[in-house]
């Protein structure tokens, strides 16, 4: 993509044509076995194999503005380091141009004298500690023993408090548990009372239903008995009628002259009727007697049900359950009282234990303070502390004998060698941090209003022939007193080539709203006629394409005609090509073949020649 990279671009610091490479190309042709003195044969030999080239695809990119600003690559942080104490350099571990990391030791001063002083001070610590130990041994109750007793008393106090807290917690939990037991027993008592009430209602209902059954059975028995008596009376009347009919039939038979005698027939009919009536009365009497029997049985069953209902003990059972639940409530309430008493006892016991432990600790602290106020022990302890402080001071001086990098970056100056005396007054090693990468350019007063934090910038570095993308990070508020220009810092994105502090740069504001096609200056071939062209890779061959050029910014030319987005333009190896040559596109950064001149063309940047002028 054409926006930043150029291998041999023409920059604002050097825009003249490049020297020809005729002799170098001739040597190359000889090495490759070309036919000397025969241009056509050499061209045929060059076309025998695909020419290796580097190509990039054309795309629309934001165009830099015409305003250019010159400056240099500047370190983000530049610090001058010196040792914290004076002395002779024992080691210098870096040279100018080295890359160092934060925390790296750069140099060291000879600290042999200080180390000897440290050993002497350490011996003084041992002596002071021995004197303190002797003072402790001379005391009836050593300070060490007293301190140990204080610690033991503190431990006992902590244990007593923990025990008191645990007892209080346990007692409280016991009371809560007992109260929960009371609540549970009261719920059981309420349930039992409800069951008793239900049992009483059920008992009353059962007795009432049984009594109603007895009354109903008694009424049914009486009705059956009345019906049986009525049936017996009907049976007696039917029997009398039957006997009368039977007597009349016998008399009619005796007096009848024939079987068709009307009197005989009438007597026979009356007898039959009476016989039917008698049988009906007999059946009704039997049914009525059976009804009486059934009513008597039903009355007996109802009376038995009455006795069973009256004998049921559900009420007594429910009453017993209520009494048992009440006993459990009483027992649970007694448990609450016991738990509360145990809680009170535990709190009293815990408080007494804590008070005793506090008294013991106070006594041990008094003993320790008495021993601590012993003047001899105080002097000895102070001597030990003073000796230890002396060792620490010397150790700090020894540590200050090393020069350590506070940041990572390049070493830009080393003003001292091994054996040289140095001190904190003069600068010794200078480090320039290049992270993040930054350039600083000078901007005239009439253009400084365009510079705002975050504005996109295109920065060309002539030393690396590469354009880097960046944005304004800071605008210095005061102009240079001589040039009257303002310094503007630009945060850069790293490119393919390493840049160093002090490299010159040319910066341009990027117009995000205006986009166009740009190509590296080195990709443009100027013909002897003055026309400009590039080689476009298509179907594995190089096609020489005429283009129109616009403004040049840094190492890039704006193309105003001849190319379109997506074209693949040769940016390296184009001086080896002729129109129609087979090419092999290789990755950017690889060598793109041996250089040879395009017949009738120059590899330099386009020059303002009249059409038909020679490029030589």
Foldseek 3Di string as FASTA:
>chain_A
DPDKDAQAFAFPVGADWDDDCAVQVVVVLVVLPADPPDPVSSVVSLQPDFFFFAWDFWDKDFDFDPDKFKFFWAFPDKDFFFFAFWAFWADAQDDFFDWDAFFDFGTFGDCPVLVVVLVVLVVLLVVLVVLLVVVQVPDPQGLVNLVVLLVVLVVLLVVLLVQLVVLLVVLVVLLVVLVVLLVVLVVQLVVLVVQLVVLVVVLVVQLVVLVVQLVVLVVQLVVLVVQLVVLVVQLVVLVVQLVVLVVQLVVCVVPDPDCPRVSNVVSVVSNVVSVVSNVVSVVSNVVSVVSNVVSVVSNVVSVVSNVVSVPDCSNVVSVVSSVVSVVSSVVSVVSSVVSNVSSVVSNVVSVVSSVVSVVSSVVSVVVSVVNCPPVSSVVSVVSSVVSVVSSVVSVVSNVSSTTGHNRIAGWNDAADDGRDIGGPPDGGIMGRHCVQTKIKTWAAPVCCVVADFFFKKWKAFVVSLIIWIWTWHDWDPAADPPPNTTITMTGTDDDPDDDDTGGMMMMGGTDRVDIAIKHFQLQWKQFQQLWIWWWWDDPQWTATWTWDWDDDHGRITTTPDTDDGGTITGSAQRQSDDHGRGHDHDHPPDHRHRGHGYVRIGSRGRDPDHGNHGPD
